[in-house]
C-alpha atoms as a PDB file:
ATOM      1  CA  MET A   1       0.000   0.000   0.000  1.00  0.00           C
ATOM      2  CA  VAL A   2       1.177   3.528  -0.827  1.00  0.00           C
ATOM      3  CA  MET A   3       0.099   6.348   1.475  1.00  0.00           C
ATOM      4  CA  ASP A   4       0.428  10.118   1.371  1.00  0.00           C
ATOM      5  CA  LYS A   5       1.502  11.180   4.872  1.00  0.00           C
ATOM      6  CA  LYS A   6       0.190  14.691   4.313  1.00  0.00           C
ATOM      7  CA  SER A   7      -3.324  13.473   3.521  1.00  0.00           C
ATOM      8  CA  SER A   8      -5.568  10.456   3.877  1.00  0.00           C
ATOM      9  CA  LEU A   9      -4.962   9.345   0.277  1.00  0.00           C
ATOM     10  CA  THR A  10      -3.990   5.675  -0.106  1.00  0.00           C
ATOM     11  CA  MET A  11      -3.375   3.450  -3.115  1.00  0.00           C
ATOM     12  CA  GLU A  12      -3.083  -0.313  -3.068  1.00  0.00           C
ATOM     13  CA  ILE A  13      -2.415  -2.769  -5.903  1.00  0.00           C
ATOM     14  CA  SER A  14      -3.737  -6.308  -5.836  1.00  0.00           C
ATOM     15  CA  SER A  15      -4.045  -9.090  -8.409  1.00  0.00           C
ATOM     16  CA  ASP A  16      -7.392 -10.507  -9.362  1.00  0.00           C
ATOM     17  CA  GLU A  17      -7.517 -14.199  -8.619  1.00  0.00           C
ATOM     18  CA  GLY A  18      -6.921 -16.269 -11.719  1.00  0.00           C
ATOM     19  CA  TYR A  19      -5.569 -13.491 -13.951  1.00  0.00           C
ATOM     20  CA  ALA A  20      -1.983 -12.462 -13.341  1.00  0.00           C
ATOM     21  CA  GLU A  21      -2.249  -9.811 -16.067  1.00  0.00           C
ATOM     22  CA  VAL A  22      -5.121  -8.041 -14.292  1.00  0.00           C
ATOM     23  CA  ALA A  23      -4.325  -5.503 -11.568  1.00  0.00           C
ATOM     24  CA  VAL A  24      -6.832  -3.873  -9.250  1.00  0.00           C
ATOM     25  CA  LEU A  25      -5.807  -0.425  -8.058  1.00  0.00           C
ATOM     26  CA  ARG A  26      -7.818   0.609  -5.005  1.00  0.00           C
ATOM     27  CA  VAL A  27      -7.728   4.332  -4.385  1.00  0.00           C
ATOM     28  CA  CYS A  28      -9.148   5.835  -1.183  1.00  0.00           C
ATOM     29  CA  GLY A  29      -9.409   9.455  -0.105  1.00  0.00           C
ATOM     30  CA  ALA A  30      -9.320  12.750  -1.970  1.00  0.00           C
ATOM     31  CA  LEU A  31      -7.423  12.444  -5.247  1.00  0.00           C
ATOM     32  CA  ASP A  32      -6.346  16.026  -5.852  1.00  0.00           C
ATOM     33  CA  PHE A  33      -3.278  17.580  -7.491  1.00  0.00           C
ATOM     34  CA  SER A  34      -1.025  16.567  -4.576  1.00  0.00           C
ATOM     35  CA  GLY A  35      -1.696  12.903  -5.344  1.00  0.00           C
ATOM     36  CA  ILE A  36      -0.507  13.020  -8.961  1.00  0.00           C
ATOM     37  CA  THR A  37       3.069  11.967  -8.143  1.00  0.00           C
ATOM     38  CA  MET A  38       1.847   9.005  -6.099  1.00  0.00           C
ATOM     39  CA  LEU A  39      -0.469   7.979  -8.915  1.00  0.00           C
ATOM     40  CA  SER A  40       2.350   8.159 -11.472  1.00  0.00           C
ATOM     41  CA  ASN A  41       4.644   6.037  -9.298  1.00  0.00           C
ATOM     42  CA  VAL A  42       1.966   3.377  -8.916  1.00  0.00           C
ATOM     43  CA  PHE A  43       1.344   3.196 -12.656  1.00  0.00           C
ATOM     44  CA  GLU A  44       5.037   2.958 -13.461  1.00  0.00           C
ATOM     45  CA  LYS A  45       5.202   0.004 -11.080  1.00  0.00           C
ATOM     46  CA  LEU A  46       2.340  -1.644 -12.954  1.00  0.00           C
ATOM     47  CA  PHE A  47       4.142  -1.189 -16.264  1.00  0.00           C
ATOM     48  CA  GLY A  48       7.204  -2.873 -14.749  1.00  0.00           C
ATOM     49  CA  GLU A  49       5.090  -5.845 -13.682  1.00  0.00           C
ATOM     50  CA  ALA A  50       3.585  -6.274 -17.179  1.00  0.00           C
ATOM     51  CA  ARG A  51      -0.050  -6.114 -16.080  1.00  0.00           C
ATOM     52  CA  PRO A  52      -1.725  -4.207 -18.925  1.00  0.00           C
ATOM     53  CA  TYR A  53      -5.332  -4.520 -17.756  1.00  0.00           C
ATOM     54  CA  VAL A  54      -5.969  -2.241 -14.793  1.00  0.00           C
ATOM     55  CA  ILE A  55      -9.208  -1.874 -12.857  1.00  0.00           C
ATOM     56  CA  VAL A  56      -9.269   1.306 -10.784  1.00  0.00           C
ATOM     57  CA  ASP A  57     -11.550   0.647  -7.826  1.00  0.00           C
ATOM     58  CA  MET A  58     -12.934   4.087  -6.961  1.00  0.00           C
ATOM     59  CA  ALA A  59     -15.373   2.999  -4.266  1.00  0.00           C
ATOM     60  CA  GLY A  60     -13.246   4.767  -1.662  1.00  0.00           C
ATOM     61  CA  ILE A  61     -12.574   7.991  -3.585  1.00  0.00           C
ATOM     62  CA  GLU A  62     -14.107  11.060  -1.988  1.00  0.00           C
ATOM     63  CA  SER A  63     -13.242  13.488  -4.773  1.00  0.00           C
ATOM     64  CA  ILE A  64     -11.085  13.706  -7.889  1.00  0.00           C
ATOM     65  CA  CYS A  65      -9.516  16.654  -9.709  1.00  0.00           C
ATOM     66  CA  SER A  66      -9.327  17.134 -13.466  1.00  0.00           C
ATOM     67  CA  ALA A  67      -5.521  16.829 -13.379  1.00  0.00           C
ATOM     68  CA  ALA A  68      -5.824  13.313 -11.940  1.00  0.00           C
ATOM     69  CA  LEU A  69      -8.305  12.419 -14.670  1.00  0.00           C
ATOM     70  CA  GLY A  70      -5.793  13.625 -17.248  1.00  0.00           C
ATOM     71  CA  GLU A  71      -3.194  11.337 -15.657  1.00  0.00           C
ATOM     72  CA  PHE A  72      -5.564   8.386 -15.967  1.00  0.00           C
ATOM     73  CA  MET A  73      -6.169   9.244 -19.614  1.00  0.00           C
ATOM     74  CA  GLY A  74      -2.467   9.278 -20.413  1.00  0.00           C
ATOM     75  CA  TYR A  75      -1.837   5.919 -18.769  1.00  0.00           C
ATOM     76  CA  ARG A  76      -4.917   4.376 -20.312  1.00  0.00           C
ATOM     77  CA  LYS A  77      -3.498   5.181 -23.739  1.00  0.00           C
ATOM     78  CA  ARG A  78      -0.259   3.406 -22.826  1.00  0.00           C
ATOM     79  CA  PHE A  79      -2.087   0.336 -21.523  1.00  0.00           C
ATOM     80  CA  VAL A  80      -4.231   0.145 -24.669  1.00  0.00           C
ATOM     81  CA  GLU A  81      -1.068   0.276 -26.770  1.00  0.00           C
ATOM     82  CA  GLN A  82       0.114  -2.784 -24.841  1.00  0.00           C
ATOM     83  CA  GLY A  83      -3.076  -4.631 -25.685  1.00  0.00           C
ATOM     84  CA  GLY A  84      -4.784  -3.909 -22.351  1.00  0.00           C
ATOM     85  CA  ASN A  85      -7.047  -1.255 -20.899  1.00  0.00           C
ATOM     86  CA  LEU A  86      -7.734   0.916 -17.875  1.00  0.00           C
ATOM     87  CA  VAL A  87     -11.294   0.947 -16.554  1.00  0.00           C
ATOM     88  CA  PHE A  88     -13.141   2.429 -13.565  1.00  0.00           C
ATOM     89  CA  ALA A  89     -15.250   0.523 -11.049  1.00  0.00           C
ATOM     90  CA  GLY A  90     -17.324   1.321  -7.976  1.00  0.00           C
ATOM     91  CA  LEU A  91     -17.756   5.041  -8.591  1.00  0.00           C
ATOM     92  CA  ALA A  92     -19.827   6.893  -5.995  1.00  0.00           C
ATOM     93  CA  GLY A  93     -22.638   9.071  -7.335  1.00  0.00           C
ATOM     94  CA  ASN A  94     -20.867  12.407  -6.941  1.00  0.00           C
ATOM     95  CA  VAL A  95     -17.599  11.137  -8.445  1.00  0.00           C
ATOM     96  CA  ARG A  96     -19.396   9.488 -11.353  1.00  0.00           C
ATOM     97  CA  SER A  97     -21.348  12.682 -12.047  1.00  0.00           C
ATOM     98  CA  LYS A  98     -18.192  14.784 -12.102  1.00  0.00           C
ATOM     99  CA  LEU A  99     -16.364  12.376 -14.404  1.00  0.00           C
ATOM    100  CA  THR A 100     -19.363  12.291 -16.728  1.00  0.00           C
ATOM    101  CA  LEU A 101     -19.459  16.084 -16.870  1.00  0.00           C
ATOM    102  CA  LEU A 102     -15.775  16.020 -17.790  1.00  0.00           C
ATOM    103  CA  GLY A 103     -16.534  13.555 -20.611  1.00  0.00           C
ATOM    104  CA  ALA A 104     -14.671  10.634 -19.038  1.00  0.00           C
ATOM    105  CA  ASN A 105     -17.533   8.244 -19.828  1.00  0.00           C
ATOM    106  CA  LYS A 106     -16.685   8.678 -23.535  1.00  0.00           C
ATOM    107  CA  ILE A 107     -13.153   7.416 -22.915  1.00  0.00           C
ATOM    108  CA  PHE A 108     -13.314   5.035 -19.957  1.00  0.00           C
ATOM    109  CA  SER A 109     -15.605   2.101 -19.284  1.00  0.00           C
ATOM    110  CA  PHE A 110     -17.509   2.408 -15.984  1.00  0.00           C
ATOM    111  CA  TYR A 111     -18.500  -0.708 -14.019  1.00  0.00           C
ATOM    112  CA  GLN A 112     -20.622  -1.045 -10.933  1.00  0.00           C
ATOM    113  CA  ASP A 113     -17.938  -2.982  -9.087  1.00  0.00           C
ATOM    114  CA  VAL A 114     -14.678  -4.874  -9.568  1.00  0.00           C
ATOM    115  CA  ARG A 115     -16.513  -8.116 -10.272  1.00  0.00           C
ATOM    116  CA  GLY A 116     -18.320  -6.491 -13.216  1.00  0.00           C
ATOM    117  CA  ALA A 117     -15.016  -5.201 -14.593  1.00  0.00           C
ATOM    118  CA  VAL A 118     -13.426  -8.636 -14.298  1.00  0.00           C
ATOM    119  CA  ASN A 119     -16.378 -10.211 -16.105  1.00  0.00           C
ATOM    120  CA  ALA A 120     -15.942  -7.661 -18.906  1.00  0.00           C
ATOM    121  CA  TYR A 121     -12.268  -8.623 -19.110  1.00  0.00           C
ATOM    122  CA  ARG A 122     -13.229 -12.286 -19.408  1.00  0.00           C
ATOM    123  CA  TRP A 123     -15.660 -11.394 -22.205  1.00  0.00           C
ATOM    124  CA  ASP A 124     -13.583  -8.855 -24.179  1.00  0.00           C
ATOM    125  CA  TYR A 125     -10.058 -10.193 -23.779  1.00  0.00           C
ATOM    126  CA  LYS A 126     -10.289 -13.865 -22.854  1.00  0.00           C
ATOM    127  CA  LYS A 127     -13.243 -14.527 -25.176  1.00  0.00           C
ATOM    128  CA  HIS A 128     -14.901 -16.659 -22.503  1.00  0.00           C
ATOM    129  CA  SER A 129     -18.309 -18.019 -23.394  1.00  0.00           C
ATOM    130  CA  LYS A 130     -21.572 -17.913 -21.510  1.00  0.00           C
ATOM    131  CA  SER A 131     -23.759 -20.974 -21.836  1.00  0.00           C
ATOM    132  CA  VAL A 132     -27.375 -21.772 -21.112  1.00  0.00           C
ATOM    133  CA  SER A 133     -29.348 -24.977 -21.647  1.00  0.00           C
ATOM    134  CA  ILE A 134     -33.103 -25.353 -22.087  1.00  0.00           C
ATOM    135  CA  ALA A 135     -35.250 -28.466 -22.367  1.00  0.00           C
ATOM    136  CA  PHE A 136     -38.842 -28.140 -23.554  1.00  0.00           C
ATOM    137  CA  PRO A 137     -41.647 -30.599 -24.422  1.00  0.00           C
ATOM    138  CA  SER A 138     -41.662 -31.655 -28.056  1.00  0.00           C
ATOM    139  CA  PHE A 139     -44.602 -29.470 -29.112  1.00  0.00           C
ATOM    140  CA  LEU A 140     -44.520 -26.563 -31.573  1.00  0.00           C
ATOM    141  CA  GLN A 141     -46.165 -24.089 -29.169  1.00  0.00           C
ATOM    142  CA  PHE A 142     -43.004 -24.071 -27.047  1.00  0.00           C
ATOM    143  CA  VAL A 143     -40.743 -22.955 -29.915  1.00  0.00           C
ATOM    144  CA  PRO A 144     -41.676 -19.213 -30.063  1.00  0.00           C
ATOM    145  CA  PRO A 145     -40.597 -18.387 -26.473  1.00  0.00           C
ATOM    146  CA  VAL A 146     -37.357 -20.335 -26.982  1.00  0.00           C
ATOM    147  CA  ARG A 147     -36.453 -18.451 -30.153  1.00  0.00           C
ATOM    148  CA  GLN A 148     -37.350 -15.127 -28.483  1.00  0.00           C
ATOM    149  CA  PHE A 149     -35.113 -15.994 -25.543  1.00  0.00           C
ATOM    150  CA  ALA A 150     -32.196 -16.658 -27.917  1.00  0.00           C
ATOM    151  CA  SER A 151     -32.768 -13.280 -29.584  1.00  0.00           C
ATOM    152  CA  ARG A 152     -32.814 -11.436 -26.242  1.00  0.00           C
ATOM    153  CA  LEU A 153     -29.700 -13.270 -25.116  1.00  0.00           C
ATOM    154  CA  ALA A 154     -27.834 -12.081 -28.217  1.00  0.00           C
ATOM    155  CA  LYS A 155     -28.960  -8.459 -27.764  1.00  0.00           C
ATOM    156  CA  GLN A 156     -28.103  -8.423 -24.057  1.00  0.00           C
ATOM    157  CA  ASN A 157     -24.569  -9.487 -24.921  1.00  0.00           C
ATOM    158  CA  GLY A 158     -23.959  -6.715 -27.433  1.00  0.00           C
ATOM    159  CA  TYR A 159     -25.073  -8.325 -30.673  1.00  0.00           C
ATOM    160  CA  SER A 160     -26.872  -6.137 -33.180  1.00  0.00           C
ATOM    161  CA  ALA A 161     -30.580  -6.372 -33.948  1.00  0.00           C
ATOM    162  CA  LYS A 162     -29.679  -7.898 -37.320  1.00  0.00           C
ATOM    163  CA  ASP A 163     -27.547 -10.629 -35.758  1.00  0.00           C
ATOM    164  CA  ALA A 164     -30.175 -11.269 -33.081  1.00  0.00           C
ATOM    165  CA  PHE A 165     -32.903 -11.656 -35.739  1.00  0.00           C
ATOM    166  CA  ARG A 166     -30.789 -14.158 -37.658  1.00  0.00           C
ATOM    167  CA  ILE A 167     -30.114 -16.145 -34.490  1.00  0.00           C
ATOM    168  CA  GLU A 168     -33.841 -16.140 -33.736  1.00  0.00           C
ATOM    169  CA  THR A 169     -34.589 -17.408 -37.256  1.00  0.00           C
ATOM    170  CA  ILE A 170     -32.009 -20.190 -36.989  1.00  0.00           C
ATOM    171  CA  VAL A 171     -33.339 -21.318 -33.597  1.00  0.00           C
ATOM    172  CA  ASP A 172     -36.890 -21.266 -34.940  1.00  0.00           C
ATOM    173  CA  GLU A 173     -36.040 -23.440 -37.935  1.00  0.00           C
ATOM    174  CA  VAL A 174     -33.870 -25.921 -36.017  1.00  0.00           C
ATOM    175  CA  CYS A 175     -36.323 -26.344 -33.151  1.00  0.00           C
ATOM    176  CA  ASN A 176     -39.309 -26.687 -35.501  1.00  0.00           C
ATOM    177  CA  ASN A 177     -37.440 -29.426 -37.364  1.00  0.00           C
ATOM    178  CA  ALA A 178     -36.573 -31.134 -34.074  1.00  0.00           C
ATOM    179  CA  VAL A 179     -40.240 -31.221 -33.102  1.00  0.00           C
ATOM    180  CA  GLU A 180     -41.436 -32.248 -36.563  1.00  0.00           C
ATOM    181  CA  HIS A 181     -38.921 -35.055 -37.104  1.00  0.00           C
ATOM    182  CA  GLY A 182     -38.393 -36.159 -33.524  1.00  0.00           C
ATOM    183  CA  GLU A 183     -40.329 -38.399 -31.217  1.00  0.00           C
ATOM    184  CA  ALA A 184     -43.574 -36.755 -30.141  1.00  0.00           C
ATOM    185  CA  GLY A 185     -45.807 -37.196 -27.163  1.00  0.00           C
ATOM    186  CA  LYS A 186     -45.568 -37.017 -23.418  1.00  0.00           C
ATOM    187  CA  GLY A 187     -42.066 -37.509 -22.048  1.00  0.00           C
ATOM    188  CA  SER A 188     -40.300 -36.426 -25.245  1.00  0.00           C
ATOM    189  CA  GLU A 189     -38.162 -33.313 -25.021  1.00  0.00           C
ATOM    190  CA  VAL A 190     -36.032 -31.108 -27.230  1.00  0.00           C
ATOM    191  CA  GLU A 191     -32.828 -29.864 -25.661  1.00  0.00           C
ATOM    192  CA  ILE A 192     -31.079 -26.708 -26.805  1.00  0.00           C
ATOM    193  CA  LYS A 193     -27.747 -25.362 -25.599  1.00  0.00           C
ATOM    194  CA  VAL A 194     -26.668 -21.833 -26.487  1.00  0.00           C
ATOM    195  CA  SER A 195     -23.029 -20.829 -26.043  1.00  0.00           C
ATOM    196  CA  ILE A 196     -22.206 -17.185 -26.700  1.00  0.00           C
ATOM    197  CA  ASN A 197     -19.030 -15.134 -26.627  1.00  0.00           C
ATOM    198  CA  LYS A 198     -17.965 -11.841 -28.154  1.00  0.00           C
ATOM    199  CA  GLU A 199     -17.296 -13.366 -31.573  1.00  0.00           C
ATOM    200  CA  LYS A 200     -19.842 -16.125 -32.166  1.00  0.00           C
ATOM    201  CA  ILE A 201     -22.918 -18.009 -31.011  1.00  0.00           C
ATOM    202  CA  ALA A 202     -22.944 -21.804 -31.049  1.00  0.00           C
ATOM    203  CA  LEU A 203     -26.210 -23.747 -30.898  1.00  0.00           C
ATOM    204  CA  SER A 204     -26.735 -27.441 -30.219  1.00  0.00           C
ATOM    205  CA  VAL A 205     -30.244 -28.862 -30.524  1.00  0.00           C
ATOM    206  CA  SER A 206     -30.982 -32.515 -29.839  1.00  0.00           C
ATOM    207  CA  ASN A 207     -34.059 -34.711 -29.696  1.00  0.00           C
ATOM    208  CA  LYS A 208     -35.104 -38.354 -29.624  1.00  0.00           C
ATOM    209  CA  SER A 209     -35.548 -39.923 -33.044  1.00  0.00           C
ATOM    210  CA  ASP A 210     -38.843 -41.135 -34.347  1.00  0.00           C
ATOM    211  CA  PRO A 211     -37.921 -44.487 -36.002  1.00  0.00           C
ATOM    212  CA  ASP A 212     -40.452 -43.898 -38.746  1.00  0.00           C
ATOM    213  CA  LYS A 213     -38.874 -40.570 -39.706  1.00  0.00           C
ATOM    214  CA  VAL A 214     -35.147 -41.371 -39.595  1.00  0.00           C
ATOM    215  CA  ALA A 215     -34.922 -42.284 -43.283  1.00  0.00           C
ATOM    216  CA  VAL A 216     -36.734 -39.111 -44.335  1.00  0.00           C
ATOM    217  CA  LEU A 217     -34.505 -37.028 -42.119  1.00  0.00           C
ATOM    218  CA  LYS A 218     -31.343 -38.529 -43.596  1.00  0.00           C
ATOM    219  CA  GLU A 219     -32.590 -37.601 -47.053  1.00  0.00           C
ATOM    220  CA  LEU A 220     -33.340 -34.108 -45.833  1.00  0.00           C
ATOM    221  CA  VAL A 221     -29.768 -33.390 -44.725  1.00  0.00           C
ATOM    222  CA  LYS A 222     -28.198 -34.418 -48.019  1.00  0.00           C
ATOM    223  CA  PRO A 223     -26.667 -31.525 -50.040  1.00  0.00           C
ATOM    224  CA  ALA A 224     -29.564 -29.375 -51.103  1.00  0.00           C
ATOM    225  CA  MET A 225     -30.226 -26.910 -53.882  1.00  0.00           C
ATOM    226  CA  PRO A 226     -29.853 -23.181 -53.246  1.00  0.00           C
ATOM    227  CA  VAL A 227     -32.813 -21.473 -51.577  1.00  0.00           C
ATOM    228  CA  SER A 228     -33.892 -19.844 -54.840  1.00  0.00           C
ATOM    229  CA  HIS A 229     -34.237 -23.281 -56.481  1.00  0.00           C
ATOM    230  CA  VAL A 230     -36.250 -24.975 -53.753  1.00  0.00           C
ATOM    231  CA  GLY A 231     -39.891 -25.466 -54.693  1.00  0.00           C
ATOM    232  CA  ASP A 232     -42.670 -23.702 -52.830  1.00  0.00           C
ATOM    233  CA  ASP A 233     -44.078 -27.036 -51.732  1.00  0.00           C
ATOM    234  CA  ASP A 234     -40.787 -28.215 -50.254  1.00  0.00           C
ATOM    235  CA  LYS A 235     -40.834 -26.400 -46.934  1.00  0.00           C
ATOM    236  CA  ARG A 236     -38.448 -28.832 -45.311  1.00  0.00           C
ATOM    237  CA  GLY A 237     -35.728 -28.321 -47.878  1.00  0.00           C
ATOM    238  CA  ARG A 238     -36.278 -24.590 -47.808  1.00  0.00           C
ATOM    239  CA  GLY A 239     -35.890 -24.508 -44.021  1.00  0.00           C
ATOM    240  CA  LEU A 240     -32.577 -26.366 -44.069  1.00  0.00           C
ATOM    241  CA  ALA A 241     -31.293 -24.220 -46.925  1.00  0.00           C
ATOM    242  CA  LEU A 242     -32.194 -21.102 -44.931  1.00  0.00           C
ATOM    243  CA  ILE A 243     -30.250 -22.357 -41.894  1.00  0.00           C
ATOM    244  CA  LYS A 244     -27.205 -22.995 -44.089  1.00  0.00           C
ATOM    245  CA  MET A 245     -27.482 -19.542 -45.612  1.00  0.00           C
ATOM    246  CA  LEU A 246     -27.717 -17.744 -42.252  1.00  0.00           C
ATOM    247  CA  SER A 247     -25.080 -19.751 -40.382  1.00  0.00           C
ATOM    248  CA  ASN A 248     -21.339 -20.215 -40.778  1.00  0.00           C
ATOM    249  CA  GLU A 249     -21.192 -23.876 -39.791  1.00  0.00           C
ATOM    250  CA  LEU A 250     -23.872 -26.552 -39.789  1.00  0.00           C
ATOM    251  CA  ASP A 251     -23.452 -30.162 -38.744  1.00  0.00           C
ATOM    252  CA  VAL A 252     -26.175 -32.776 -38.287  1.00  0.00           C
ATOM    253  CA  GLU A 253     -25.721 -36.108 -36.508  1.00  0.00           C
ATOM    254  CA  ILE A 254     -28.494 -38.672 -37.006  1.00  0.00           C
ATOM    255  CA  THR A 255     -28.730 -41.978 -35.168  1.00  0.00           C
ATOM    256  CA  GLU A 256     -31.533 -44.350 -34.282  1.00  0.00           C
ATOM    257  CA  ARG A 257     -31.534 -42.891 -30.774  1.00  0.00           C
ATOM    258  CA  GLY A 258     -31.554 -39.212 -31.580  1.00  0.00           C
ATOM    259  CA  THR A 259     -30.629 -36.288 -33.775  1.00  0.00           C
ATOM    260  CA  SER A 260     -28.230 -33.480 -32.881  1.00  0.00           C
ATOM    261  CA  VAL A 261     -27.865 -30.283 -34.880  1.00  0.00           C
ATOM    262  CA  HIS A 262     -24.870 -28.028 -34.298  1.00  0.00           C
ATOM    263  CA  VAL A 263     -24.865 -24.505 -35.711  1.00  0.00           C
ATOM    264  CA  THR A 264     -22.264 -21.741 -35.449  1.00  0.00           C
ATOM    265  CA  LYS A 265     -23.113 -18.137 -36.288  1.00  0.00           C
ATOM    266  CA  LEU A 266     -20.285 -15.597 -36.334  1.00  0.00           C
ATOM    267  CA  ARG A 267     -20.964 -12.065 -35.158  1.00  0.00           C
ATOM    268  CA  GLU A 268     -21.286  -9.711 -38.124  1.00  0.00           C
ATOM    269  CA  GLU A 269     -21.845  -6.284 -36.551  1.00  0.00           C
END
């Protein structure tokens, strides 16, 4: 911990568990012009330790001057050049308001707490995925809420409306096919797993096979004609062609026990 003997200002560096390249700088007290030298010394130490992603925990900051903000801006630029970033977390209402008035929100990312900043690091830099699994009865009326959930999930994680609509369309087609060609009735379920990260969404949909429909389904997944050449009466072929057109990868596994469809959609916007 670094402390200014002339004031109550303190600065402490700690490492976030699991990420040696992430440093948490906890600043407490009034960060005015007299604290600039201390701040510079702390950042130079961080550069020497090769930790380019810095989370400044401001929960304990009582006030901050514009000169200190300028210091943060200069060091953020250096961290970004090293492939990292400098972000703020835990800002009190008065500090957040002042930084916003100074335009800092257009340069720095603000997070509610350190945990939120670490999660953003996992998402933006480590490309970690978030996954969710859903099982629903094998009836068509359950498909609309599932496809809508997938669309909302994409939007909530920064995907554009266009990407979210395409994901919704893919989920709709795959799940409808799973219901149509799978085993129906009480006790039969369709399982869908959605894995999403900053760059792509991966879908896996599986169901129990209806023995009477396996042969038809195997014919369905054979190389098909382009969408424009599929007849109006061939809705099944059109649906599969649409999935292929909207996705980047499509793989179908068919056995006597069940069918699994794996789709990957890369983020476009």
